[in-house]
Amino acid sequence: MITSALSALHKIGGGGLSETLTTRSGSTPAASGAVAPKSFGEALAGVANDAIGALKGAETMSTQALQGKADTREVVDAVMNAEQSLQAAIAIRDKIVSSYLEISRMQI
């Protein structure tokens, strides 16, 4: 299940890693010294890659917990972070699809 979610997010993201529009602290990349994305596609790719990283991190943490190398709290934190990232990615996808459908219904 995680593998299919990762591949779906990677298809949405398209490729290269870039900074997100807003960091967790709420500041913009320009204010924090990071380079702002040059296009909407790069920003979207950055968000998708961040979500993929969170999902992979949660999977790694779960594996470490099974091996006795990670605390339960760390696993719960990683899984909750991954779930939040996945929900955000799904919400973005839904908005993009609804926007596309709305544009396709417009009369020329």
PDB file of N, CA and C in Angstrom:
ATOM      1  N   MET A   1       0.817  -1.190   0.000  1.00  0.00           N
ATOM      2  CA  MET A   1       0.000   0.000   0.000  1.00  0.00           C
ATOM      3  C   MET A   1       0.863   1.256   0.000  1.00  0.00           C
ATOM      4  N   ILE A   2       1.902   1.278   0.840  1.00  0.00           N
ATOM      5  CA  ILE A   2       2.773   2.449   0.901  1.00  0.00           C
ATOM      6  C   ILE A   2       3.506   2.628  -0.420  1.00  0.00           C
ATOM      7  N   THR A   3       3.924   1.508  -1.030  1.00  0.00           N
ATOM      8  CA  THR A   3       4.649   1.595  -2.295  1.00  0.00           C
ATOM      9  C   THR A   3       3.777   2.213  -3.379  1.00  0.00           C
ATOM     10  N   SER A   4       2.492   1.820  -3.440  1.00  0.00           N
ATOM     11  CA  SER A   4       1.612   2.397  -4.457  1.00  0.00           C
ATOM     12  C   SER A   4       1.353   3.879  -4.186  1.00  0.00           C
ATOM     13  N   ALA A   5       1.248   4.248  -2.911  1.00  0.00           N
ATOM     14  CA  ALA A   5       1.067   5.664  -2.578  1.00  0.00           C
ATOM     15  C   ALA A   5       2.303   6.468  -2.955  1.00  0.00           C
ATOM     16  N   LEU A   6       3.491   5.896  -2.706  1.00  0.00           N
ATOM     17  CA  LEU A   6       4.731   6.586  -3.063  1.00  0.00           C
ATOM     18  C   LEU A   6       4.847   6.771  -4.566  1.00  0.00           C
ATOM     19  N   SER A   7       4.506   5.718  -5.326  1.00  0.00           N
ATOM     20  CA  SER A   7       4.614   5.843  -6.778  1.00  0.00           C
ATOM     21  C   SER A   7       3.597   6.847  -7.319  1.00  0.00           C
ATOM     22  N   ALA A   8       2.403   6.885  -6.732  1.00  0.00           N
ATOM     23  CA  ALA A   8       1.399   7.856  -7.167  1.00  0.00           C
ATOM     24  C   ALA A   8       1.852   9.279  -6.873  1.00  0.00           C
ATOM     25  N   LEU A   9       2.427   9.502  -5.700  1.00  0.00           N
ATOM     26  CA  LEU A   9       2.924  10.835  -5.365  1.00  0.00           C
ATOM     27  C   LEU A   9       4.088  11.230  -6.258  1.00  0.00           C
ATOM     28  N   HIS A  10       4.941  10.266  -6.594  1.00  0.00           N
ATOM     29  CA  HIS A  10       6.077  10.577  -7.451  1.00  0.00           C
ATOM     30  C   HIS A  10       5.601  10.962  -8.850  1.00  0.00           C
ATOM     31  N   LYS A  11       4.546  10.288  -9.341  1.00  0.00           N
ATOM     32  CA  LYS A  11       3.993  10.641 -10.651  1.00  0.00           C
ATOM     33  C   LYS A  11       3.426  12.057 -10.635  1.00  0.00           C
ATOM     34  N   ILE A  12       2.778  12.415  -9.526  1.00  0.00           N
ATOM     35  CA  ILE A  12       2.223  13.768  -9.404  1.00  0.00           C
ATOM     36  C   ILE A  12       3.349  14.786  -9.353  1.00  0.00           C
ATOM     37  N   GLY A  13       4.372  14.477  -8.551  1.00  0.00           N
ATOM     38  CA  GLY A  13       5.471  15.413  -8.329  1.00  0.00           C
ATOM     39  C   GLY A  13       6.313  15.630  -9.553  1.00  0.00           C
ATOM     40  N   GLY A  14       6.521  14.623 -10.343  1.00  0.00           N
ATOM     41  CA  GLY A  14       7.263  14.779 -11.565  1.00  0.00           C
ATOM     42  C   GLY A  14       8.751  14.617 -11.453  1.00  0.00           C
ATOM     43  N   GLY A  15       9.406  14.964 -10.407  1.00  0.00           N
ATOM     44  CA  GLY A  15      10.841  14.783 -10.414  1.00  0.00           C
ATOM     45  C   GLY A  15      11.591  15.563  -9.385  1.00  0.00           C
ATOM     46  N   GLY A  16      12.269  16.642  -9.786  1.00  0.00           N
ATOM     47  CA  GLY A  16      13.265  17.325  -8.974  1.00  0.00           C
ATOM     48  C   GLY A  16      12.773  17.840  -7.638  1.00  0.00           C
ATOM     49  N   LEU A  17      13.694  17.867  -6.708  1.00  0.00           N
ATOM     50  CA  LEU A  17      13.390  18.334  -5.362  1.00  0.00           C
ATOM     51  C   LEU A  17      13.560  19.842  -5.309  1.00  0.00           C
ATOM     52  N   SER A  18      12.570  20.517  -4.764  1.00  0.00           N
ATOM     53  CA  SER A  18      12.691  21.963  -4.569  1.00  0.00           C
ATOM     54  C   SER A  18      12.072  22.316  -3.232  1.00  0.00           C
ATOM     55  N   GLU A  19      12.278  23.537  -2.809  1.00  0.00           N
ATOM     56  CA  GLU A  19      11.749  23.980  -1.523  1.00  0.00           C
ATOM     57  C   GLU A  19      10.241  24.184  -1.629  1.00  0.00           C
ATOM     58  N   THR A  20       9.529  23.970  -0.553  1.00  0.00           N
ATOM     59  CA  THR A  20       8.089  24.209  -0.530  1.00  0.00           C
ATOM     60  C   THR A  20       7.835  25.696  -0.371  1.00  0.00           C
ATOM     61  N   LEU A  21       6.608  26.105  -0.642  1.00  0.00           N
ATOM     62  CA  LEU A  21       6.281  27.522  -0.566  1.00  0.00           C
ATOM     63  C   LEU A  21       6.329  28.043   0.861  1.00  0.00           C
ATOM     64  N   THR A  22       5.938  27.242   1.806  1.00  0.00           N
ATOM     65  CA  THR A  22       5.961  27.664   3.198  1.00  0.00           C
ATOM     66  C   THR A  22       6.585  26.566   4.031  1.00  0.00           C
ATOM     67  N   THR A  23       7.517  26.934   4.879  1.00  0.00           N
ATOM     68  CA  THR A  23       8.160  25.950   5.741  1.00  0.00           C
ATOM     69  C   THR A  23       7.287  25.693   6.953  1.00  0.00           C
ATOM     70  N   ARG A  24       7.647  24.698   7.759  1.00  0.00           N
ATOM     71  CA  ARG A  24       6.853  24.352   8.934  1.00  0.00           C
ATOM     72  C   ARG A  24       6.777  25.498   9.927  1.00  0.00           C
ATOM     73  N   SER A  25       7.797  26.336   9.975  1.00  0.00           N
ATOM     74  CA  SER A  25       7.775  27.447  10.926  1.00  0.00           C
ATOM     75  C   SER A  25       6.847  28.570  10.474  1.00  0.00           C
ATOM     76  N   GLY A  26       6.364  28.481   9.227  1.00  0.00           N
ATOM     77  CA  GLY A  26       5.438  29.488   8.736  1.00  0.00           C
ATOM     78  C   GLY A  26       6.107  30.583   7.942  1.00  0.00           C
ATOM     79  N   SER A  27       7.433  30.569   7.843  1.00  0.00           N
ATOM     80  CA  SER A  27       8.119  31.604   7.077  1.00  0.00           C
ATOM     81  C   SER A  27       8.245  31.172   5.627  1.00  0.00           C
ATOM     82  N   THR A  28       8.397  32.137   4.756  1.00  0.00           N
ATOM     83  CA  THR A  28       8.577  31.822   3.353  1.00  0.00           C
ATOM     84  C   THR A  28      10.033  31.473   3.103  1.00  0.00           C
ATOM     85  N   PRO A  29      10.343  30.721   2.004  1.00  0.00           N
ATOM     86  CA  PRO A  29      11.729  30.370   1.724  1.00  0.00           C
ATOM     87  C   PRO A  29      12.641  31.576   1.578  1.00  0.00           C
ATOM     88  N   ALA A  30      12.131  32.681   1.016  1.00  0.00           N
ATOM     89  CA  ALA A  30      12.974  33.861   0.844  1.00  0.00           C
ATOM     90  C   ALA A  30      13.397  34.419   2.201  1.00  0.00           C
ATOM     91  N   ALA A  31      12.489  34.375   3.163  1.00  0.00           N
ATOM     92  CA  ALA A  31      12.800  34.889   4.491  1.00  0.00           C
ATOM     93  C   ALA A  31      13.769  33.975   5.233  1.00  0.00           C
ATOM     94  N   SER A  32      13.726  32.678   4.945  1.00  0.00           N
ATOM     95  CA  SER A  32      14.600  31.738   5.642  1.00  0.00           C
ATOM     96  C   SER A  32      15.907  31.502   4.889  1.00  0.00           C
ATOM     97  N   GLY A  33      16.117  32.181   3.776  1.00  0.00           N
ATOM     98  CA  GLY A  33      17.362  32.059   3.033  1.00  0.00           C
ATOM     99  C   GLY A  33      17.338  30.974   1.968  1.00  0.00           C
ATOM    100  N   ALA A  34      16.232  30.263   1.810  1.00  0.00           N
ATOM    101  CA  ALA A  34      16.135  29.207   0.809  1.00  0.00           C
ATOM    102  C   ALA A  34      15.743  29.817  -0.540  1.00  0.00           C
ATOM    103  N   VAL A  35      15.984  29.070  -1.596  1.00  0.00           N
ATOM    104  CA  VAL A  35      15.648  29.523  -2.935  1.00  0.00           C
ATOM    105  C   VAL A  35      14.183  29.199  -3.211  1.00  0.00           C
ATOM    106  N   ALA A  36      13.426  30.195  -3.653  1.00  0.00           N
ATOM    107  CA  ALA A  36      12.012  29.989  -3.965  1.00  0.00           C
ATOM    108  C   ALA A  36      11.881  29.203  -5.266  1.00  0.00           C
ATOM    109  N   PRO A  37      10.830  28.372  -5.392  1.00  0.00           N
ATOM    110  CA  PRO A  37      10.620  27.636  -6.633  1.00  0.00           C
ATOM    111  C   PRO A  37      10.386  28.597  -7.794  1.00  0.00           C
ATOM    112  N   LYS A  38      10.831  28.201  -8.968  1.00  0.00           N
ATOM    113  CA  LYS A  38      10.690  29.057 -10.141  1.00  0.00           C
ATOM    114  C   LYS A  38       9.324  28.922 -10.786  1.00  0.00           C
ATOM    115  N   SER A  39       8.632  27.823 -10.534  1.00  0.00           N
ATOM    116  CA  SER A  39       7.333  27.628 -11.152  1.00  0.00           C
ATOM    117  C   SER A  39       6.412  26.863 -10.213  1.00  0.00           C
ATOM    118  N   PHE A  40       5.151  26.867 -10.572  1.00  0.00           N
ATOM    119  CA  PHE A  40       4.168  26.124  -9.793  1.00  0.00           C
ATOM    120  C   PHE A  40       4.488  24.638  -9.823  1.00  0.00           C
ATOM    121  N   GLY A  41       4.951  24.139 -10.964  1.00  0.00           N
ATOM    122  CA  GLY A  41       5.313  22.727 -11.089  1.00  0.00           C
ATOM    123  C   GLY A  41       6.428  22.336 -10.138  1.00  0.00           C
ATOM    124  N   GLU A  42       7.421  23.215  -9.995  1.00  0.00           N
ATOM    125  CA  GLU A  42       8.517  22.927  -9.067  1.00  0.00           C
ATOM    126  C   GLU A  42       8.031  22.934  -7.623  1.00  0.00           C
ATOM    127  N   ALA A  43       7.136  23.863  -7.309  1.00  0.00           N
ATOM    128  CA  ALA A  43       6.582  23.910  -5.953  1.00  0.00           C
ATOM    129  C   ALA A  43       5.782  22.650  -5.665  1.00  0.00           C
ATOM    130  N   LEU A  44       4.995  22.223  -6.631  1.00  0.00           N
ATOM    131  CA  LEU A  44       4.206  21.008  -6.481  1.00  0.00           C
ATOM    132  C   LEU A  44       5.107  19.785  -6.368  1.00  0.00           C
ATOM    133  N   ALA A  45       6.171  19.757  -7.154  1.00  0.00           N
ATOM    134  CA  ALA A  45       7.130  18.649  -7.076  1.00  0.00           C
ATOM    135  C   ALA A  45       7.799  18.610  -5.708  1.00  0.00           C
ATOM    136  N   GLY A  46       8.106  19.767  -5.169  1.00  0.00           N
ATOM    137  CA  GLY A  46       8.718  19.827  -3.844  1.00  0.00           C
ATOM    138  C   GLY A  46       7.798  19.295  -2.761  1.00  0.00           C
ATOM    139  N   VAL A  47       6.530  19.667  -2.835  1.00  0.00           N
ATOM    140  CA  VAL A  47       5.558  19.181  -1.855  1.00  0.00           C
ATOM    141  C   VAL A  47       5.400  17.665  -1.979  1.00  0.00           C
ATOM    142  N   ALA A  48       5.331  17.171  -3.215  1.00  0.00           N
ATOM    143  CA  ALA A  48       5.199  15.726  -3.429  1.00  0.00           C
ATOM    144  C   ALA A  48       6.427  14.985  -2.916  1.00  0.00           C
ATOM    145  N   ASN A  49       7.602  15.522  -3.170  1.00  0.00           N
ATOM    146  CA  ASN A  49       8.826  14.867  -2.697  1.00  0.00           C
ATOM    147  C   ASN A  49       8.928  14.893  -1.179  1.00  0.00           C
ATOM    148  N   ASP A  50       8.454  15.965  -0.555  1.00  0.00           N
ATOM    149  CA  ASP A  50       8.426  16.016   0.909  1.00  0.00           C
ATOM    150  C   ASP A  50       7.489  14.951   1.467  1.00  0.00           C
ATOM    151  N   ALA A  51       6.338  14.775   0.825  1.00  0.00           N
ATOM    152  CA  ALA A  51       5.387  13.750   1.267  1.00  0.00           C
ATOM    153  C   ALA A  51       5.975  12.357   1.085  1.00  0.00           C
ATOM    154  N   ILE A  52       6.664  12.145  -0.022  1.00  0.00           N
ATOM    155  CA  ILE A  52       7.313  10.853  -0.264  1.00  0.00           C
ATOM    156  C   ILE A  52       8.365  10.591   0.799  1.00  0.00           C
ATOM    157  N   GLY A  53       9.142  11.609   1.129  1.00  0.00           N
ATOM    158  CA  GLY A  53      10.162  11.466   2.171  1.00  0.00           C
ATOM    159  C   GLY A  53       9.552  11.125   3.520  1.00  0.00           C
ATOM    160  N   ALA A  54       8.415  11.748   3.840  1.00  0.00           N
ATOM    161  CA  ALA A  54       7.743  11.456   5.113  1.00  0.00           C
ATOM    162  C   ALA A  54       7.229  10.025   5.141  1.00  0.00           C
ATOM    163  N   LEU A  55       6.680   9.558   4.014  1.00  0.00           N
ATOM    164  CA  LEU A  55       6.190   8.181   3.953  1.00  0.00           C
ATOM    165  C   LEU A  55       7.331   7.178   4.066  1.00  0.00           C
ATOM    166  N   LYS A  56       8.431   7.454   3.386  1.00  0.00           N
ATOM    167  CA  LYS A  56       9.593   6.563   3.482  1.00  0.00           C
ATOM    168  C   LYS A  56      10.173   6.566   4.891  1.00  0.00           C
ATOM    169  N   GLY A  57      10.206   7.738   5.517  1.00  0.00           N
ATOM    170  CA  GLY A  57      10.707   7.834   6.887  1.00  0.00           C
ATOM    171  C   GLY A  57       9.848   7.041   7.862  1.00  0.00           C
ATOM    172  N   ALA A  58       8.535   7.106   7.682  1.00  0.00           N
ATOM    173  CA  ALA A  58       7.626   6.349   8.547  1.00  0.00           C
ATOM    174  C   ALA A  58       7.810   4.855   8.339  1.00  0.00           C
ATOM    175  N   GLU A  59       8.002   4.453   7.093  1.00  0.00           N
ATOM    176  CA  GLU A  59       8.218   3.030   6.807  1.00  0.00           C
ATOM    177  C   GLU A  59       9.530   2.548   7.427  1.00  0.00           C
ATOM    178  N   THR A  60      10.573   3.357   7.319  1.00  0.00           N
ATOM    179  CA  THR A  60      11.864   3.014   7.918  1.00  0.00           C
ATOM    180  C   THR A  60      11.754   2.936   9.431  1.00  0.00           C
ATOM    181  N   MET A  61      11.061   3.890  10.024  1.00  0.00           N
ATOM    182  CA  MET A  61      10.893   3.908  11.475  1.00  0.00           C
ATOM    183  C   MET A  61      10.099   2.690  11.940  1.00  0.00           C
ATOM    184  N   SER A  62       9.080   2.297  11.176  1.00  0.00           N
ATOM    185  CA  SER A  62       8.299   1.108  11.523  1.00  0.00           C
ATOM    186  C   SER A  62       9.161  -0.143  11.470  1.00  0.00           C
ATOM    187  N   THR A  63      10.014  -0.231  10.468  1.00  0.00           N
ATOM    188  CA  THR A  63      10.922  -1.373  10.350  1.00  0.00           C
ATOM    189  C   THR A  63      11.897  -1.400  11.520  1.00  0.00           C
ATOM    190  N   GLN A  64      12.409  -0.241  11.897  1.00  0.00           N
ATOM    191  CA  GLN A  64      13.321  -0.175  13.040  1.00  0.00           C
ATOM    192  C   GLN A  64      12.621  -0.574  14.330  1.00  0.00           C
ATOM    193  N   ALA A  65      11.351  -0.228  14.461  1.00  0.00           N
ATOM    194  CA  ALA A  65      10.598  -0.610  15.661  1.00  0.00           C
ATOM    195  C   ALA A  65      10.423  -2.121  15.723  1.00  0.00           C
ATOM    196  N   LEU A  66      10.180  -2.738  14.572  1.00  0.00           N
ATOM    197  CA  LEU A  66      10.047  -4.194  14.542  1.00  0.00           C
ATOM    198  C   LEU A  66      11.349  -4.878  14.934  1.00  0.00           C
ATOM    199  N   GLN A  67      12.469  -4.233  14.646  1.00  0.00           N
ATOM    200  CA  GLN A  67      13.779  -4.781  14.997  1.00  0.00           C
ATOM    201  C   GLN A  67      14.195  -4.391  16.407  1.00  0.00           C
ATOM    202  N   GLY A  68      13.381  -3.607  17.087  1.00  0.00           N
ATOM    203  CA  GLY A  68      13.685  -3.182  18.449  1.00  0.00           C
ATOM    204  C   GLY A  68      14.651  -2.018  18.538  1.00  0.00           C
ATOM    205  N   LYS A  69      14.833  -1.290  17.451  1.00  0.00           N
ATOM    206  CA  LYS A  69      15.789  -0.181  17.407  1.00  0.00           C
ATOM    207  C   LYS A  69      15.130   1.191  17.568  1.00  0.00           C
ATOM    208  N   ALA A  70      13.801   1.234  17.633  1.00  0.00           N
ATOM    209  CA  ALA A  70      13.112   2.528  17.736  1.00  0.00           C
ATOM    210  C   ALA A  70      12.037   2.458  18.815  1.00  0.00           C
ATOM    211  N   ASP A  71      11.819   3.589  19.441  1.00  0.00           N
ATOM    212  CA  ASP A  71      10.810   3.720  20.483  1.00  0.00           C
ATOM    213  C   ASP A  71       9.422   3.845  19.848  1.00  0.00           C
ATOM    214  N   THR A  72       8.405   3.418  20.565  1.00  0.00           N
ATOM    215  CA  THR A  72       7.030   3.485  20.070  1.00  0.00           C
ATOM    216  C   THR A  72       6.619   4.921  19.774  1.00  0.00           C
ATOM    217  N   ARG A  73       7.011   5.851  20.622  1.00  0.00           N
ATOM    218  CA  ARG A  73       6.671   7.257  20.417  1.00  0.00           C
ATOM    219  C   ARG A  73       7.241   7.775  19.103  1.00  0.00           C
ATOM    220  N   GLU A  74       8.476   7.394  18.793  1.00  0.00           N
ATOM    221  CA  GLU A  74       9.099   7.834  17.535  1.00  0.00           C
ATOM    222  C   GLU A  74       8.340   7.286  16.335  1.00  0.00           C
ATOM    223  N   VAL A  75       7.897   6.039  16.437  1.00  0.00           N
ATOM    224  CA  VAL A  75       7.142   5.429  15.343  1.00  0.00           C
ATOM    225  C   VAL A  75       5.812   6.150  15.155  1.00  0.00           C
ATOM    226  N   VAL A  76       5.122   6.415  16.248  1.00  0.00           N
ATOM    227  CA  VAL A  76       3.832   7.108  16.169  1.00  0.00           C
ATOM    228  C   VAL A  76       4.014   8.499  15.573  1.00  0.00           C
ATOM    229  N   ASP A  77       5.046   9.219  15.997  1.00  0.00           N
ATOM    230  CA  ASP A  77       5.314  10.553  15.440  1.00  0.00           C
ATOM    231  C   ASP A  77       5.568  10.481  13.936  1.00  0.00           C
ATOM    232  N   ALA A  78       6.388   9.518  13.514  1.00  0.00           N
ATOM    233  CA  ALA A  78       6.718   9.384  12.090  1.00  0.00           C
ATOM    234  C   ALA A  78       5.487   9.013  11.272  1.00  0.00           C
ATOM    235  N   VAL A  79       4.682   8.101  11.788  1.00  0.00           N
ATOM    236  CA  VAL A  79       3.486   7.672  11.060  1.00  0.00           C
ATOM    237  C   VAL A  79       2.459   8.800  10.994  1.00  0.00           C
ATOM    238  N   MET A  80       2.288   9.540  12.074  1.00  0.00           N
ATOM    239  CA  MET A  80       1.346  10.663  12.066  1.00  0.00           C
ATOM    240  C   MET A  80       1.804  11.758  11.100  1.00  0.00           C
ATOM    241  N   ASN A  81       3.103  12.017  11.048  1.00  0.00           N
ATOM    242  CA  ASN A  81       3.652  12.994  10.109  1.00  0.00           C
ATOM    243  C   ASN A  81       3.411  12.531   8.676  1.00  0.00           C
ATOM    244  N   ALA A  82       3.636  11.241   8.422  1.00  0.00           N
ATOM    245  CA  ALA A  82       3.414  10.698   7.083  1.00  0.00           C
ATOM    246  C   ALA A  82       1.941  10.770   6.702  1.00  0.00           C
ATOM    247  N   GLU A  83       1.066  10.474   7.654  1.00  0.00           N
ATOM    248  CA  GLU A  83      -0.368  10.535   7.379  1.00  0.00           C
ATOM    249  C   GLU A  83      -0.801  11.963   7.051  1.00  0.00           C
ATOM    250  N   GLN A  84      -0.275  12.924   7.794  1.00  0.00           N
ATOM    251  CA  GLN A  84      -0.599  14.325   7.540  1.00  0.00           C
ATOM    252  C   GLN A  84      -0.099  14.746   6.154  1.00  0.00           C
ATOM    253  N   SER A  85       1.096  14.322   5.793  1.00  0.00           N
ATOM    254  CA  SER A  85       1.643  14.654   4.475  1.00  0.00           C
ATOM    255  C   SER A  85       0.818  14.024   3.364  1.00  0.00           C
ATOM    256  N   LEU A  86       0.406  12.780   3.569  1.00  0.00           N
ATOM    257  CA  LEU A  86      -0.396  12.097   2.559  1.00  0.00           C
ATOM    258  C   LEU A  86      -1.760  12.762   2.405  1.00  0.00           C
ATOM    259  N   GLN A  87      -2.381  13.145   3.507  1.00  0.00           N
ATOM    260  CA  GLN A  87      -3.673  13.831   3.436  1.00  0.00           C
ATOM    261  C   GLN A  87      -3.545  15.171   2.711  1.00  0.00           C
ATOM    262  N   ALA A  88      -2.455  15.881   2.946  1.00  0.00           N
ATOM    263  CA  ALA A  88      -2.225  17.149   2.241  1.00  0.00           C
ATOM    264  C   ALA A  88      -2.042  16.907   0.747  1.00  0.00           C
ATOM    265  N   ALA A  89      -1.290  15.869   0.395  1.00  0.00           N
ATOM    266  CA  ALA A  89      -1.072  15.546  -1.019  1.00  0.00           C
ATOM    267  C   ALA A  89      -2.387  15.165  -1.697  1.00  0.00           C
ATOM    268  N   ILE A  90      -3.219  14.424  -1.000  1.00  0.00           N
ATOM    269  CA  ILE A  90      -4.517  14.035  -1.555  1.00  0.00           C
ATOM    270  C   ILE A  90      -5.405  15.264  -1.744  1.00  0.00           C
ATOM    271  N   ALA A  91      -5.390  16.176  -0.783  1.00  0.00           N
ATOM    272  CA  ALA A  91      -6.183  17.403  -0.897  1.00  0.00           C
ATOM    273  C   ALA A  91      -5.712  18.251  -2.075  1.00  0.00           C
ATOM    274  N   ILE A  92      -4.399  18.345  -2.261  1.00  0.00           N
ATOM    275  CA  ILE A  92      -3.854  19.102  -3.397  1.00  0.00           C
ATOM    276  C   ILE A  92      -4.264  18.455  -4.704  1.00  0.00           C
ATOM    277  N   ARG A  93      -4.156  17.122  -4.765  1.00  0.00           N
ATOM    278  CA  ARG A  93      -4.552  16.404  -5.978  1.00  0.00           C
ATOM    279  C   ARG A  93      -6.019  16.654  -6.290  1.00  0.00           C
ATOM    280  N   ASP A  94      -6.879  16.572  -5.277  1.00  0.00           N
ATOM    281  CA  ASP A  94      -8.305  16.785  -5.487  1.00  0.00           C
ATOM    282  C   ASP A  94      -8.596  18.196  -5.996  1.00  0.00           C
ATOM    283  N   LYS A  95      -7.888  19.191  -5.458  1.00  0.00           N
ATOM    284  CA  LYS A  95      -8.076  20.572  -5.925  1.00  0.00           C
ATOM    285  C   LYS A  95      -7.628  20.724  -7.376  1.00  0.00           C
ATOM    286  N   ILE A  96      -6.514  20.097  -7.725  1.00  0.00           N
ATOM    287  CA  ILE A  96      -6.020  20.179  -9.104  1.00  0.00           C
ATOM    288  C   ILE A  96      -7.010  19.534 -10.061  1.00  0.00           C
ATOM    289  N   VAL A  97      -7.525  18.370  -9.698  1.00  0.00           N
ATOM    290  CA  VAL A  97      -8.485  17.677 -10.555  1.00  0.00           C
ATOM    291  C   VAL A  97      -9.761  18.496 -10.697  1.00  0.00           C
ATOM    292  N   SER A  98     -10.266  19.044  -9.589  1.00  0.00           N
ATOM    293  CA  SER A  98     -11.500  19.834  -9.684  1.00  0.00           C
ATOM    294  C   SER A  98     -11.269  21.106 -10.501  1.00  0.00           C
ATOM    295  N   SER A  99     -10.101  21.717 -10.374  1.00  0.00           N
ATOM    296  CA  SER A  99      -9.785  22.902 -11.186  1.00  0.00           C
ATOM    297  C   SER A  99      -9.723  22.553 -12.662  1.00  0.00           C
ATOM    298  N   TYR A 100      -9.100  21.425 -12.975  1.00  0.00           N
ATOM    299  CA  TYR A 100      -9.016  20.984 -14.366  1.00  0.00           C
ATOM    300  C   TYR A 100     -10.412  20.738 -14.926  1.00  0.00           C
ATOM    301  N   LEU A 101     -11.261  20.059 -14.154  1.00  0.00           N
ATOM    302  CA  LEU A 101     -12.617  19.784 -14.627  1.00  0.00           C
ATOM    303  C   LEU A 101     -13.408  21.069 -14.825  1.00  0.00           C
ATOM    304  N   GLU A 102     -13.224  22.024 -13.935  1.00  0.00           N
ATOM    305  CA  GLU A 102     -13.917  23.303 -14.067  1.00  0.00           C
ATOM    306  C   GLU A 102     -13.446  24.051 -15.313  1.00  0.00           C
ATOM    307  N   ILE A 103     -12.150  24.046 -15.567  1.00  0.00           N
ATOM    308  CA  ILE A 103     -11.612  24.708 -16.765  1.00  0.00           C
ATOM    309  C   ILE A 103     -12.103  24.011 -18.026  1.00  0.00           C
ATOM    310  N   SER A 104     -12.163  22.679 -17.992  1.00  0.00           N
ATOM    311  CA  SER A 104     -12.600  21.948 -19.187  1.00  0.00           C
ATOM    312  C   SER A 104     -14.079  22.181 -19.491  1.00  0.00           C
ATOM    313  N   ARG A 105     -14.871  22.574 -18.502  1.00  0.00           N
ATOM    314  CA  ARG A 105     -16.294  22.864 -18.723  1.00  0.00           C
ATOM    315  C   ARG A 105     -16.530  24.288 -19.229  1.00  0.00           C
ATOM    316  N   MET A 106     -15.520  25.134 -19.186  1.00  0.00           N
ATOM    317  CA  MET A 106     -15.688  26.517 -19.643  1.00  0.00           C
ATOM    318  C   MET A 106     -15.937  26.555 -21.144  1.00  0.00           C
ATOM    319  N   GLN A 107     -16.803  27.478 -21.539  1.00  0.00           N
ATOM    320  CA  GLN A 107     -17.069  27.642 -22.956  1.00  0.00           C
ATOM    321  C   GLN A 107     -16.011  28.536 -23.573  1.00  0.00           C
ATOM    322  N   ILE A 108     -15.663  28.205 -24.786  1.00  0.00           N
ATOM    323  CA  ILE A 108     -14.629  28.978 -25.487  1.00  0.00           C
ATOM    324  C   ILE A 108     -15.254  30.120 -26.244  1.00  0.00           C
TER     325      ILE A 108
END
